Amino acid sequence: MKYLKQLLIILAFSLAGEALQALIPLPIPAAIYGIVLLLIALCTGVLKAQAISDTAHFLIGIMPLLFVAPAVNILKNWGVIAPNLVPICVVMVVSTFVVFLVSGIVTQLLVKKEGDRNA
């Protein structure tokens, strides 16, 4: 029963994300809205991490299984993907390095800000 309650809490945030996506006309996936809402609830203390931790650990444990369907779809649509493979790979590599760069800069700024605050 504990797992069902935790799953329902997670699904409630997912449903709230779906509602927000329907209400807000931005090209943001509903899952992102739901995750941000869950993060806000956890950071503000509205929801304690223990309230969903067991189910969250279970879902993380089976995450590789959740990638089987997308992998099969990639293979199924290989005829469409193959001619565009080079541009897709270039975008993946460039975007990965952009994420590395932005993450590094933000981390350095936060560390510096924290150091200034403690000094």
N, C-alpha and C. Protein backbone atom coordinates (compact mmCIF):
# COMPACT_ATOMS: atom_id res chain seq x y z
N MET A 1 0.82 -1.19 0.00
CA MET A 1 0.00 0.00 0.00
C MET A 1 0.86 1.26 0.00
N LYS A 2 2.03 1.17 0.67
CA LYS A 2 2.95 2.31 0.73
C LYS A 2 3.42 2.69 -0.67
N TYR A 3 3.75 1.68 -1.47
CA TYR A 3 4.24 1.95 -2.83
C TYR A 3 3.15 2.57 -3.70
N LEU A 4 1.93 2.11 -3.53
CA LEU A 4 0.82 2.67 -4.30
C LEU A 4 0.60 4.15 -3.94
N LYS A 5 0.67 4.47 -2.66
CA LYS A 5 0.51 5.86 -2.23
C LYS A 5 1.62 6.73 -2.82
N GLN A 6 2.86 6.24 -2.77
CA GLN A 6 3.98 7.01 -3.31
C GLN A 6 3.85 7.18 -4.82
N LEU A 7 3.42 6.13 -5.51
CA LEU A 7 3.24 6.22 -6.95
C LEU A 7 2.13 7.21 -7.29
N LEU A 8 1.07 7.23 -6.51
CA LEU A 8 -0.01 8.18 -6.75
C LEU A 8 0.44 9.63 -6.55
N ILE A 9 1.33 9.85 -5.59
CA ILE A 9 1.88 11.20 -5.38
C ILE A 9 2.68 11.62 -6.61
N ILE A 10 3.53 10.72 -7.10
CA ILE A 10 4.34 11.03 -8.29
C ILE A 10 3.43 11.26 -9.49
N LEU A 11 2.42 10.42 -9.66
CA LEU A 11 1.50 10.58 -10.77
C LEU A 11 0.68 11.86 -10.66
N ALA A 12 0.39 12.30 -9.44
CA ALA A 12 -0.34 13.56 -9.26
C ALA A 12 0.48 14.73 -9.79
N PHE A 13 1.78 14.72 -9.54
CA PHE A 13 2.63 15.78 -10.08
C PHE A 13 2.72 15.68 -11.60
N SER A 14 2.73 14.47 -12.10
CA SER A 14 2.72 14.29 -13.55
C SER A 14 1.43 14.82 -14.16
N LEU A 15 0.31 14.55 -13.52
CA LEU A 15 -0.98 15.05 -13.98
C LEU A 15 -1.03 16.58 -13.90
N ALA A 16 -0.48 17.14 -12.85
CA ALA A 16 -0.43 18.61 -12.73
C ALA A 16 0.42 19.19 -13.86
N GLY A 17 1.49 18.49 -14.23
CA GLY A 17 2.30 18.93 -15.36
C GLY A 17 1.52 18.90 -16.66
N GLU A 18 0.71 17.87 -16.84
CA GLU A 18 -0.14 17.78 -18.04
C GLU A 18 -1.12 18.95 -18.07
N ALA A 19 -1.70 19.28 -16.92
CA ALA A 19 -2.64 20.40 -16.86
C ALA A 19 -1.95 21.71 -17.18
N LEU A 20 -0.77 21.91 -16.62
CA LEU A 20 -0.03 23.14 -16.91
C LEU A 20 0.33 23.26 -18.39
N GLN A 21 0.71 22.13 -18.98
CA GLN A 21 1.07 22.15 -20.39
C GLN A 21 -0.12 22.51 -21.26
N ALA A 22 -1.31 22.09 -20.84
CA ALA A 22 -2.52 22.43 -21.58
C ALA A 22 -2.90 23.89 -21.38
N LEU A 23 -2.58 24.45 -20.21
CA LEU A 23 -2.95 25.83 -19.90
C LEU A 23 -1.95 26.87 -20.40
N ILE A 24 -0.67 26.51 -20.38
CA ILE A 24 0.38 27.46 -20.76
C ILE A 24 0.83 27.15 -22.17
N PRO A 25 0.69 28.09 -23.08
CA PRO A 25 1.01 27.82 -24.49
C PRO A 25 2.51 27.95 -24.81
N LEU A 26 3.33 27.19 -24.12
CA LEU A 26 4.77 27.17 -24.38
C LEU A 26 5.15 25.78 -24.88
N PRO A 27 6.18 25.67 -25.70
CA PRO A 27 6.59 24.35 -26.21
C PRO A 27 7.44 23.58 -25.19
N ILE A 28 6.91 23.41 -24.00
CA ILE A 28 7.60 22.69 -22.94
C ILE A 28 6.82 21.42 -22.66
N PRO A 29 7.50 20.26 -22.65
CA PRO A 29 6.79 19.01 -22.39
C PRO A 29 6.14 18.99 -21.00
N ALA A 30 5.04 18.31 -20.91
CA ALA A 30 4.31 18.22 -19.65
C ALA A 30 5.16 17.58 -18.56
N ALA A 31 6.01 16.63 -18.94
CA ALA A 31 6.86 15.96 -17.94
C ALA A 31 7.80 16.96 -17.26
N ILE A 32 8.27 17.95 -18.00
CA ILE A 32 9.16 18.95 -17.42
C ILE A 32 8.40 19.79 -16.39
N TYR A 33 7.17 20.18 -16.73
CA TYR A 33 6.35 20.91 -15.76
C TYR A 33 6.17 20.08 -14.50
N GLY A 34 5.86 18.80 -14.66
CA GLY A 34 5.65 17.94 -13.51
C GLY A 34 6.90 17.79 -12.65
N ILE A 35 8.04 17.63 -13.30
CA ILE A 35 9.30 17.49 -12.56
C ILE A 35 9.63 18.78 -11.81
N VAL A 36 9.41 19.93 -12.46
CA VAL A 36 9.68 21.20 -11.80
C VAL A 36 8.74 21.39 -10.61
N LEU A 37 7.48 21.05 -10.77
CA LEU A 37 6.55 21.13 -9.64
C LEU A 37 6.98 20.22 -8.49
N LEU A 38 7.42 19.01 -8.82
CA LEU A 38 7.90 18.09 -7.79
C LEU A 38 9.14 18.65 -7.11
N LEU A 39 10.05 19.23 -7.87
CA LEU A 39 11.25 19.83 -7.30
C LEU A 39 10.88 20.97 -6.35
N ILE A 40 9.97 21.82 -6.78
CA ILE A 40 9.53 22.93 -5.93
C ILE A 40 8.92 22.41 -4.64
N ALA A 41 8.08 21.39 -4.75
CA ALA A 41 7.45 20.81 -3.55
C ALA A 41 8.50 20.22 -2.60
N LEU A 42 9.51 19.58 -3.16
CA LEU A 42 10.57 19.00 -2.32
C LEU A 42 11.44 20.09 -1.69
N CYS A 43 11.78 21.12 -2.47
CA CYS A 43 12.65 22.19 -1.96
C CYS A 43 11.96 23.05 -0.91
N THR A 44 10.66 23.25 -1.04
CA THR A 44 9.93 24.08 -0.08
C THR A 44 9.49 23.31 1.15
N GLY A 45 9.62 22.01 1.12
CA GLY A 45 9.20 21.21 2.27
C GLY A 45 7.74 20.82 2.25
N VAL A 46 7.03 21.20 1.19
CA VAL A 46 5.62 20.80 1.07
C VAL A 46 5.53 19.28 0.98
N LEU A 47 6.52 18.69 0.33
CA LEU A 47 6.60 17.23 0.20
C LEU A 47 7.96 16.79 0.72
N LYS A 48 7.96 15.84 1.61
CA LYS A 48 9.21 15.29 2.13
C LYS A 48 9.72 14.20 1.19
N ALA A 49 11.02 14.10 1.05
CA ALA A 49 11.62 13.11 0.15
C ALA A 49 11.22 11.69 0.57
N GLN A 50 11.05 11.46 1.86
CA GLN A 50 10.68 10.13 2.34
C GLN A 50 9.30 9.72 1.84
N ALA A 51 8.49 10.69 1.45
CA ALA A 51 7.13 10.39 1.01
C ALA A 51 7.10 9.69 -0.34
N ILE A 52 8.19 9.78 -1.10
CA ILE A 52 8.23 9.14 -2.42
C ILE A 52 9.51 8.36 -2.66
N SER A 53 10.38 8.26 -1.66
CA SER A 53 11.72 7.70 -1.88
C SER A 53 11.72 6.24 -2.32
N ASP A 54 10.89 5.40 -1.72
CA ASP A 54 10.92 3.97 -2.07
C ASP A 54 10.51 3.75 -3.52
N THR A 55 9.43 4.39 -3.94
CA THR A 55 8.98 4.24 -5.32
C THR A 55 9.95 4.89 -6.29
N ALA A 56 10.53 6.03 -5.90
CA ALA A 56 11.51 6.70 -6.76
C ALA A 56 12.73 5.81 -6.97
N HIS A 57 13.20 5.15 -5.92
CA HIS A 57 14.34 4.23 -6.06
C HIS A 57 13.99 3.06 -6.97
N PHE A 58 12.77 2.57 -6.84
CA PHE A 58 12.33 1.47 -7.71
C PHE A 58 12.32 1.92 -9.17
N LEU A 59 11.75 3.09 -9.44
CA LEU A 59 11.68 3.59 -10.81
C LEU A 59 13.07 3.83 -11.40
N ILE A 60 13.99 4.33 -10.58
CA ILE A 60 15.36 4.52 -11.05
C ILE A 60 16.01 3.17 -11.33
N GLY A 61 15.70 2.19 -10.52
CA GLY A 61 16.26 0.85 -10.71
C GLY A 61 15.82 0.19 -12.02
N ILE A 62 14.60 0.46 -12.46
CA ILE A 62 14.11 -0.15 -13.69
C ILE A 62 14.25 0.79 -14.90
N MET A 63 14.93 1.91 -14.70
CA MET A 63 15.05 2.89 -15.78
C MET A 63 15.63 2.30 -17.08
N PRO A 64 16.64 1.44 -17.03
CA PRO A 64 17.13 0.88 -18.30
C PRO A 64 16.04 0.15 -19.08
N LEU A 65 15.14 -0.49 -18.40
CA LEU A 65 14.03 -1.18 -19.05
C LEU A 65 13.13 -0.19 -19.79
N LEU A 66 13.02 1.01 -19.26
CA LEU A 66 12.16 2.02 -19.87
C LEU A 66 12.73 2.55 -21.19
N PHE A 67 14.01 2.29 -21.46
CA PHE A 67 14.63 2.75 -22.70
C PHE A 67 14.51 1.73 -23.84
N VAL A 68 13.94 0.57 -23.57
CA VAL A 68 13.81 -0.45 -24.61
C VAL A 68 12.89 0.02 -25.74
N ALA A 69 11.74 0.55 -25.41
CA ALA A 69 10.79 1.00 -26.45
C ALA A 69 11.37 2.10 -27.34
N PRO A 70 12.02 3.14 -26.78
CA PRO A 70 12.63 4.13 -27.67
C PRO A 70 13.73 3.54 -28.56
N ALA A 71 14.50 2.60 -28.02
CA ALA A 71 15.55 1.97 -28.83
C ALA A 71 14.95 1.18 -29.99
N VAL A 72 13.87 0.49 -29.73
CA VAL A 72 13.20 -0.26 -30.79
C VAL A 72 12.65 0.70 -31.85
N ASN A 73 12.10 1.83 -31.43
CA ASN A 73 11.60 2.81 -32.38
C ASN A 73 12.71 3.41 -33.23
N ILE A 74 13.87 3.60 -32.64
CA ILE A 74 15.02 4.10 -33.42
C ILE A 74 15.38 3.08 -34.50
N LEU A 75 15.42 1.82 -34.14
CA LEU A 75 15.74 0.79 -35.12
C LEU A 75 14.65 0.69 -36.19
N LYS A 76 13.41 0.83 -35.77
CA LYS A 76 12.28 0.75 -36.69
C LYS A 76 12.31 1.89 -37.71
N ASN A 77 12.75 3.06 -37.28
CA ASN A 77 12.78 4.24 -38.15
C ASN A 77 14.19 4.54 -38.67
N TRP A 78 15.05 3.55 -38.71
CA TRP A 78 16.43 3.75 -39.13
C TRP A 78 16.52 4.31 -40.55
N GLY A 79 15.59 3.96 -41.41
CA GLY A 79 15.60 4.46 -42.78
C GLY A 79 15.48 5.97 -42.84
N VAL A 80 14.77 6.56 -41.91
CA VAL A 80 14.62 8.02 -41.85
C VAL A 80 15.83 8.65 -41.16
N ILE A 81 16.36 7.97 -40.17
CA ILE A 81 17.46 8.51 -39.37
C ILE A 81 18.80 8.44 -40.11
N ALA A 82 19.05 7.36 -40.82
CA ALA A 82 20.36 7.12 -41.44
C ALA A 82 20.83 8.27 -42.33
N PRO A 83 20.01 8.82 -43.22
CA PRO A 83 20.51 9.91 -44.06
C PRO A 83 20.84 11.19 -43.27
N ASN A 84 20.29 11.32 -42.10
CA ASN A 84 20.52 12.51 -41.27
C ASN A 84 21.45 12.23 -40.09
N LEU A 85 22.17 11.13 -40.14
CA LEU A 85 22.98 10.71 -39.01
C LEU A 85 24.09 11.70 -38.68
N VAL A 86 24.77 12.21 -39.69
CA VAL A 86 25.88 13.15 -39.44
C VAL A 86 25.35 14.43 -38.77
N PRO A 87 24.31 15.08 -39.32
CA PRO A 87 23.81 16.27 -38.62
C PRO A 87 23.31 15.97 -37.20
N ILE A 88 22.68 14.82 -37.01
CA ILE A 88 22.20 14.45 -35.68
C ILE A 88 23.38 14.31 -34.72
N CYS A 89 24.44 13.65 -35.15
CA CYS A 89 25.62 13.47 -34.30
C CYS A 89 26.31 14.80 -34.00
N VAL A 90 26.38 15.68 -35.00
CA VAL A 90 26.99 16.99 -34.77
C VAL A 90 26.19 17.76 -33.72
N VAL A 91 24.87 17.76 -33.84
CA VAL A 91 24.03 18.46 -32.87
C VAL A 91 24.21 17.85 -31.48
N MET A 92 24.29 16.53 -31.40
CA MET A 92 24.47 15.88 -30.10
C MET A 92 25.79 16.27 -29.46
N VAL A 93 26.87 16.26 -30.24
CA VAL A 93 28.19 16.59 -29.70
C VAL A 93 28.25 18.05 -29.29
N VAL A 94 27.78 18.95 -30.16
CA VAL A 94 27.82 20.38 -29.85
C VAL A 94 26.97 20.69 -28.62
N SER A 95 25.76 20.13 -28.58
CA SER A 95 24.88 20.42 -27.44
C SER A 95 25.45 19.85 -26.14
N THR A 96 26.13 18.72 -26.22
CA THR A 96 26.76 18.15 -25.02
C THR A 96 27.83 19.09 -24.49
N PHE A 97 28.67 19.62 -25.38
CA PHE A 97 29.72 20.54 -24.95
C PHE A 97 29.14 21.87 -24.45
N VAL A 98 28.04 22.32 -25.04
CA VAL A 98 27.40 23.54 -24.55
C VAL A 98 26.87 23.31 -23.13
N VAL A 99 26.27 22.15 -22.89
CA VAL A 99 25.78 21.83 -21.54
C VAL A 99 26.95 21.76 -20.57
N PHE A 100 28.06 21.12 -20.97
CA PHE A 100 29.26 21.07 -20.12
C PHE A 100 29.73 22.48 -19.78
N LEU A 101 29.81 23.33 -20.79
CA LEU A 101 30.30 24.69 -20.61
C LEU A 101 29.39 25.49 -19.68
N VAL A 102 28.10 25.47 -19.94
CA VAL A 102 27.16 26.22 -19.11
C VAL A 102 27.14 25.68 -17.68
N SER A 103 27.17 24.36 -17.53
CA SER A 103 27.18 23.77 -16.19
C SER A 103 28.43 24.17 -15.43
N GLY A 104 29.57 24.15 -16.10
CA GLY A 104 30.82 24.55 -15.46
C GLY A 104 30.81 26.00 -15.04
N ILE A 105 30.33 26.88 -15.91
CA ILE A 105 30.29 28.31 -15.59
C ILE A 105 29.34 28.56 -14.41
N VAL A 106 28.17 27.95 -14.45
CA VAL A 106 27.20 28.14 -13.36
C VAL A 106 27.77 27.59 -12.06
N THR A 107 28.41 26.43 -12.11
CA THR A 107 29.00 25.85 -10.90
C THR A 107 30.08 26.76 -10.34
N GLN A 108 30.95 27.29 -11.20
CA GLN A 108 31.99 28.20 -10.72
C GLN A 108 31.40 29.46 -10.10
N LEU A 109 30.36 30.01 -10.73
CA LEU A 109 29.71 31.20 -10.16
C LEU A 109 29.09 30.91 -8.80
N LEU A 110 28.45 29.76 -8.68
CA LEU A 110 27.83 29.40 -7.40
C LEU A 110 28.88 29.16 -6.32
N VAL A 111 29.98 28.51 -6.67
CA VAL A 111 31.05 28.26 -5.70
C VAL A 111 31.67 29.59 -5.27
N LYS A 112 31.89 30.48 -6.23
CA LYS A 112 32.46 31.79 -5.90
C LYS A 112 31.50 32.57 -5.01
N LYS A 113 30.21 32.53 -5.35
CA LYS A 113 29.22 33.25 -4.55
C LYS A 113 29.16 32.70 -3.13
N GLU A 114 29.23 31.38 -3.00
CA GLU A 114 29.21 30.74 -1.69
C GLU A 114 30.47 31.12 -0.90
N GLY A 115 31.61 31.17 -1.60
CA GLY A 115 32.86 31.56 -0.94
C GLY A 115 32.83 33.00 -0.48
N ASP A 116 32.25 33.89 -1.29
CA ASP A 116 32.13 35.30 -0.90
C ASP A 116 31.22 35.46 0.30
N ARG A 117 30.18 34.65 0.36
CA ARG A 117 29.22 34.74 1.46
C ARG A 117 29.85 34.25 2.76
N ASN A 118 30.73 33.24 2.68
CA ASN A 118 31.36 32.70 3.88
C ASN A 118 32.57 33.51 4.33
N ALA A 119 33.09 34.35 3.46
CA ALA A 119 34.30 35.11 3.80
C ALA A 119 33.99 36.28 4.70
